[in-house]
Structures are given as structure tokens and as C-alpha cells.
């Protein structure tokens, strides 16, 4: 069953740190099967607070998504994300195709 990681940037606090994050984060996917379902695209807030940016990642399973998030590569990159902005990251299980 697929799983999705929904990442929203709520507020940028330090662009230089986010630039470092953007340089390091792509390497974290090399050993993890991921499909980008949405990445920096057009958005419209229909209800609730606005976000600066949204990404939606699809993994083959909940466990694969957890493995990526907990990987050393991503945790190293995320140190810059923590310093660069306020984010919300949600892992949710998808539904089967049948």
C-alpha cells in the first residue's frame, strides 16, 4: 500500500540555510524509491492558512517513507531545514488500488 509524505513550508526564516537544505536533500532519495506527486507547483488556498510551498512524495509503503525520513542523509539535510524555516511534514498511508 503506498504512503505519502506531505511537506509544507509555512515560513522562511533563513534563506541561506534553506539553500543548503536544497543542495543536500536530493541525495537522500538515492537509496529510497520515491515519486514526486507535487513539487513547487501552483497552489490556491481554499480553506485555512496559506503555505509558502508544498511537496507531495509517494513511497511504495509506510515503512519505506519512514526509512527515507529517518535516513542519515535526510537527517543531515534537515538540520538546515530546521534553521531555515517552519515546516509541517505529515506521513500518511494511502489506499490500495483495488
N, C-alpha and C. Protein backbone atom coordinates (compact mmCIF):
# COMPACT_ATOMS: atom_id res chain seq x y z
N UNK A 1 0.84 -1.17 0.00
CA UNK A 1 0.00 0.00 0.00
C UNK A 1 0.90 1.24 0.00
N UNK A 2 0.64 2.20 -0.87
CA UNK A 2 1.50 3.38 -0.93
C UNK A 2 1.36 4.26 0.32
N UNK A 3 2.35 5.09 0.51
CA UNK A 3 2.31 6.08 1.59
C UNK A 3 2.77 7.41 1.01
N UNK A 4 2.30 8.47 1.61
CA UNK A 4 2.60 9.81 1.12
C UNK A 4 3.21 10.66 2.22
N UNK A 5 4.20 11.45 1.84
CA UNK A 5 4.77 12.45 2.74
C UNK A 5 4.37 13.80 2.16
N UNK A 6 3.65 14.57 2.95
CA UNK A 6 3.21 15.90 2.54
C UNK A 6 4.06 16.91 3.32
N UNK A 7 4.78 17.74 2.58
CA UNK A 7 5.69 18.71 3.19
C UNK A 7 5.21 20.10 2.83
N UNK A 8 4.95 20.91 3.83
CA UNK A 8 4.60 22.31 3.58
C UNK A 8 5.57 23.21 4.31
N UNK A 9 6.00 24.25 3.61
CA UNK A 9 6.82 25.27 4.26
C UNK A 9 5.87 26.39 4.65
N UNK A 10 5.80 26.64 5.95
CA UNK A 10 4.90 27.65 6.48
C UNK A 10 5.53 29.03 6.44
N UNK A 11 6.85 29.10 6.70
CA UNK A 11 7.52 30.39 6.77
C UNK A 11 9.02 30.21 6.58
N UNK A 12 9.61 31.06 5.75
CA UNK A 12 11.06 31.09 5.58
C UNK A 12 11.65 32.02 6.63
N UNK A 13 12.69 31.52 7.32
CA UNK A 13 13.37 32.35 8.33
C UNK A 13 14.82 32.66 7.95
N UNK A 14 15.46 31.77 7.18
CA UNK A 14 16.86 31.97 6.82
C UNK A 14 17.08 31.32 5.45
N UNK A 15 17.08 32.12 4.40
CA UNK A 15 17.18 31.59 3.04
C UNK A 15 18.50 30.86 2.80
N UNK A 16 19.58 31.33 3.37
CA UNK A 16 20.88 30.66 3.19
C UNK A 16 20.83 29.23 3.71
N UNK A 17 20.17 29.01 4.85
CA UNK A 17 20.04 27.65 5.39
C UNK A 17 19.15 26.79 4.50
N UNK A 18 18.10 27.38 3.94
CA UNK A 18 17.24 26.62 3.03
C UNK A 18 17.97 26.27 1.75
N UNK A 19 18.84 27.15 1.29
CA UNK A 19 19.64 26.85 0.11
C UNK A 19 20.56 25.65 0.37
N UNK A 20 21.13 25.59 1.57
CA UNK A 20 21.95 24.43 1.96
C UNK A 20 21.11 23.16 1.97
N UNK A 21 19.92 23.25 2.53
CA UNK A 21 19.00 22.12 2.58
C UNK A 21 18.68 21.64 1.16
N UNK A 22 18.38 22.57 0.27
CA UNK A 22 18.04 22.21 -1.11
C UNK A 22 19.20 21.56 -1.84
N UNK A 23 20.42 21.87 -1.46
CA UNK A 23 21.60 21.23 -2.04
C UNK A 23 21.77 19.80 -1.53
N UNK A 24 21.52 19.60 -0.24
CA UNK A 24 21.78 18.30 0.40
C UNK A 24 20.63 17.31 0.28
N UNK A 25 19.40 17.77 0.31
CA UNK A 25 18.24 16.87 0.38
C UNK A 25 18.13 15.91 -0.80
N UNK A 26 18.38 16.31 -2.05
CA UNK A 26 18.21 15.36 -3.15
C UNK A 26 19.01 14.06 -3.00
N UNK A 27 20.18 14.12 -2.41
CA UNK A 27 20.99 12.91 -2.22
C UNK A 27 20.31 11.90 -1.30
N UNK A 28 19.40 12.37 -0.47
CA UNK A 28 18.72 11.47 0.47
C UNK A 28 17.77 10.50 -0.24
N UNK A 29 17.43 10.78 -1.49
CA UNK A 29 16.49 9.91 -2.21
C UNK A 29 17.18 8.79 -2.98
N UNK A 30 18.51 8.81 -3.09
CA UNK A 30 19.20 7.87 -3.98
C UNK A 30 18.94 6.40 -3.63
N UNK A 31 18.76 6.08 -2.38
CA UNK A 31 18.51 4.69 -1.98
C UNK A 31 17.07 4.43 -1.57
N UNK A 32 16.18 5.36 -1.91
CA UNK A 32 14.78 5.23 -1.49
C UNK A 32 13.86 5.44 -2.69
N UNK A 33 12.95 4.49 -2.92
CA UNK A 33 12.03 4.61 -4.06
C UNK A 33 10.97 5.68 -3.79
N UNK A 34 11.01 6.76 -4.54
CA UNK A 34 10.08 7.85 -4.32
C UNK A 34 9.61 8.39 -5.67
N UNK A 35 8.35 8.82 -5.70
CA UNK A 35 7.79 9.50 -6.86
C UNK A 35 7.29 10.85 -6.34
N UNK A 36 7.72 11.92 -6.99
CA UNK A 36 7.24 13.25 -6.63
C UNK A 36 5.88 13.45 -7.29
N UNK A 37 4.85 13.60 -6.48
CA UNK A 37 3.49 13.80 -6.99
C UNK A 37 3.15 15.28 -7.11
N UNK A 38 3.78 16.11 -6.32
CA UNK A 38 3.64 17.57 -6.43
C UNK A 38 4.93 18.18 -5.93
N UNK A 39 5.40 19.21 -6.64
CA UNK A 39 6.66 19.84 -6.23
C UNK A 39 6.66 21.29 -6.71
N UNK A 40 6.50 22.20 -5.77
CA UNK A 40 6.61 23.63 -6.03
C UNK A 40 5.65 24.14 -7.10
N UNK A 41 4.50 23.50 -7.24
CA UNK A 41 3.56 23.90 -8.28
C UNK A 41 2.62 25.01 -7.84
N UNK A 42 1.78 25.39 -8.75
CA UNK A 42 0.77 26.40 -8.48
C UNK A 42 -0.15 25.89 -7.38
N UNK A 43 -0.56 26.77 -6.52
CA UNK A 43 -1.44 26.39 -5.41
C UNK A 43 -2.44 27.49 -5.12
N UNK A 44 -3.54 27.10 -4.56
CA UNK A 44 -4.58 28.02 -4.15
C UNK A 44 -5.14 27.53 -2.82
N UNK A 45 -5.16 28.38 -1.84
CA UNK A 45 -5.71 28.01 -0.54
C UNK A 45 -7.22 28.12 -0.62
N UNK A 46 -7.90 27.01 -0.39
CA UNK A 46 -9.36 27.01 -0.39
C UNK A 46 -9.91 27.19 1.01
N UNK A 47 -9.18 26.71 2.00
CA UNK A 47 -9.56 26.88 3.41
C UNK A 47 -8.28 26.84 4.24
N UNK A 48 -8.26 27.57 5.32
CA UNK A 48 -7.14 27.52 6.25
C UNK A 48 -6.01 28.47 5.88
N UNK A 49 -4.93 28.34 6.63
CA UNK A 49 -3.77 29.22 6.47
C UNK A 49 -2.98 28.85 5.21
N UNK A 50 -2.37 29.84 4.62
CA UNK A 50 -1.55 29.63 3.42
C UNK A 50 -0.21 29.01 3.79
N UNK A 51 0.37 28.30 2.83
CA UNK A 51 1.72 27.76 2.93
C UNK A 51 2.55 28.39 1.83
N UNK A 52 3.84 28.53 2.07
CA UNK A 52 4.72 29.08 1.04
C UNK A 52 5.01 28.07 -0.06
N UNK A 53 5.03 26.77 0.31
CA UNK A 53 5.43 25.76 -0.65
C UNK A 53 4.86 24.41 -0.23
N UNK A 54 4.64 23.54 -1.20
CA UNK A 54 4.09 22.22 -0.92
C UNK A 54 4.79 21.18 -1.79
N UNK A 55 5.13 20.05 -1.17
CA UNK A 55 5.63 18.88 -1.89
C UNK A 55 4.82 17.68 -1.44
N UNK A 56 4.56 16.77 -2.36
CA UNK A 56 3.91 15.51 -2.02
C UNK A 56 4.77 14.40 -2.61
N UNK A 57 5.26 13.52 -1.75
CA UNK A 57 6.12 12.41 -2.14
C UNK A 57 5.35 11.10 -1.97
N UNK A 58 5.48 10.21 -2.93
CA UNK A 58 4.85 8.89 -2.82
C UNK A 58 5.93 7.84 -2.66
N UNK A 59 5.75 6.97 -1.67
CA UNK A 59 6.63 5.84 -1.42
C UNK A 59 5.81 4.56 -1.56
N UNK A 60 6.45 3.43 -1.86
CA UNK A 60 5.72 2.18 -2.01
C UNK A 60 5.02 1.72 -0.73
N UNK A 61 5.55 2.13 0.43
CA UNK A 61 4.95 1.70 1.69
C UNK A 61 5.23 2.73 2.78
N UNK A 62 4.50 2.60 3.85
CA UNK A 62 4.69 3.47 5.02
C UNK A 62 6.11 3.32 5.56
N UNK A 63 6.56 2.06 5.60
CA UNK A 63 7.90 1.77 6.12
C UNK A 63 9.01 2.37 5.25
N UNK A 64 8.81 2.35 3.93
CA UNK A 64 9.79 2.97 3.02
C UNK A 64 9.86 4.48 3.26
N UNK A 65 8.72 5.10 3.50
CA UNK A 65 8.70 6.55 3.78
C UNK A 65 9.40 6.84 5.09
N UNK A 66 9.15 6.03 6.09
CA UNK A 66 9.83 6.22 7.37
C UNK A 66 11.34 6.04 7.23
N UNK A 67 11.74 5.04 6.45
CA UNK A 67 13.17 4.77 6.25
C UNK A 67 13.85 5.97 5.59
N UNK A 68 13.19 6.58 4.60
CA UNK A 68 13.77 7.78 3.98
C UNK A 68 13.89 8.90 5.01
N UNK A 69 12.81 9.20 5.72
CA UNK A 69 12.81 10.33 6.65
C UNK A 69 13.87 10.13 7.75
N UNK A 70 14.02 8.91 8.21
CA UNK A 70 14.95 8.62 9.30
C UNK A 70 16.38 8.36 8.81
N UNK A 71 16.59 8.37 7.50
CA UNK A 71 17.93 8.09 6.97
C UNK A 71 18.93 9.16 7.41
N UNK A 72 20.17 8.75 7.51
CA UNK A 72 21.23 9.67 7.91
C UNK A 72 21.33 10.84 6.94
N UNK A 73 21.20 10.55 5.64
CA UNK A 73 21.31 11.61 4.63
C UNK A 73 20.24 12.67 4.83
N UNK A 74 18.99 12.21 5.04
CA UNK A 74 17.93 13.21 5.20
C UNK A 74 18.04 13.94 6.53
N UNK A 75 18.40 13.25 7.57
CA UNK A 75 18.53 13.92 8.87
C UNK A 75 19.64 14.97 8.85
N UNK A 76 20.71 14.71 8.14
CA UNK A 76 21.78 15.71 8.00
C UNK A 76 21.26 16.94 7.24
N UNK A 77 20.54 16.72 6.15
CA UNK A 77 19.98 17.83 5.38
C UNK A 77 18.95 18.60 6.20
N UNK A 78 18.15 17.89 6.97
CA UNK A 78 17.06 18.54 7.70
C UNK A 78 17.56 19.50 8.79
N UNK A 79 18.79 19.34 9.23
CA UNK A 79 19.35 20.30 10.20
C UNK A 79 19.30 21.72 9.62
N UNK A 80 19.55 21.84 8.33
CA UNK A 80 19.48 23.15 7.68
C UNK A 80 18.03 23.60 7.51
N UNK A 81 17.14 22.64 7.25
CA UNK A 81 15.72 22.98 7.12
C UNK A 81 15.19 23.53 8.44
N UNK A 82 15.57 22.92 9.54
CA UNK A 82 15.12 23.39 10.86
C UNK A 82 15.55 24.83 11.11
N UNK A 83 16.75 25.18 10.66
CA UNK A 83 17.26 26.53 10.86
C UNK A 83 16.71 27.52 9.84
N UNK A 84 16.27 26.99 8.69
CA UNK A 84 15.85 27.87 7.60
C UNK A 84 14.40 28.24 7.54
N UNK A 85 13.55 27.44 8.14
CA UNK A 85 12.13 27.74 8.02
C UNK A 85 11.26 26.90 8.93
N UNK A 86 10.00 27.23 8.92
CA UNK A 86 9.00 26.48 9.68
C UNK A 86 8.25 25.59 8.71
N UNK A 87 8.28 24.30 8.97
CA UNK A 87 7.70 23.29 8.08
C UNK A 87 6.69 22.43 8.84
N UNK A 88 5.83 21.82 8.07
CA UNK A 88 4.95 20.76 8.57
C UNK A 88 5.18 19.57 7.65
N UNK A 89 5.47 18.41 8.23
CA UNK A 89 5.69 17.20 7.45
C UNK A 89 4.76 16.12 8.00
N UNK A 90 3.95 15.59 7.11
CA UNK A 90 2.94 14.60 7.51
C UNK A 90 3.16 13.33 6.68
N UNK A 91 3.21 12.20 7.35
CA UNK A 91 3.27 10.89 6.70
C UNK A 91 1.89 10.27 6.83
N UNK A 92 1.33 9.86 5.69
CA UNK A 92 0.01 9.24 5.72
C UNK A 92 -0.01 8.02 4.81
N UNK A 93 -0.70 7.01 5.26
CA UNK A 93 -0.85 5.80 4.46
C UNK A 93 -1.89 6.06 3.39
N UNK A 94 -1.61 5.58 2.18
CA UNK A 94 -2.55 5.71 1.08
C UNK A 94 -3.56 4.57 1.09
N UNK A 95 -4.28 4.46 0.00
CA UNK A 95 -5.25 3.38 -0.14
C UNK A 95 -4.82 2.46 -1.28
N UNK A 96 -5.22 1.21 -1.21
CA UNK A 96 -4.83 0.27 -2.25
C UNK A 96 -5.60 0.58 -3.55
N UNK A 97 -5.03 0.17 -4.65
CA UNK A 97 -5.62 0.48 -5.96
C UNK A 97 -6.93 -0.25 -6.21
N UNK A 98 -7.18 -1.33 -5.49
CA UNK A 98 -8.40 -2.12 -5.76
C UNK A 98 -9.61 -1.59 -5.03
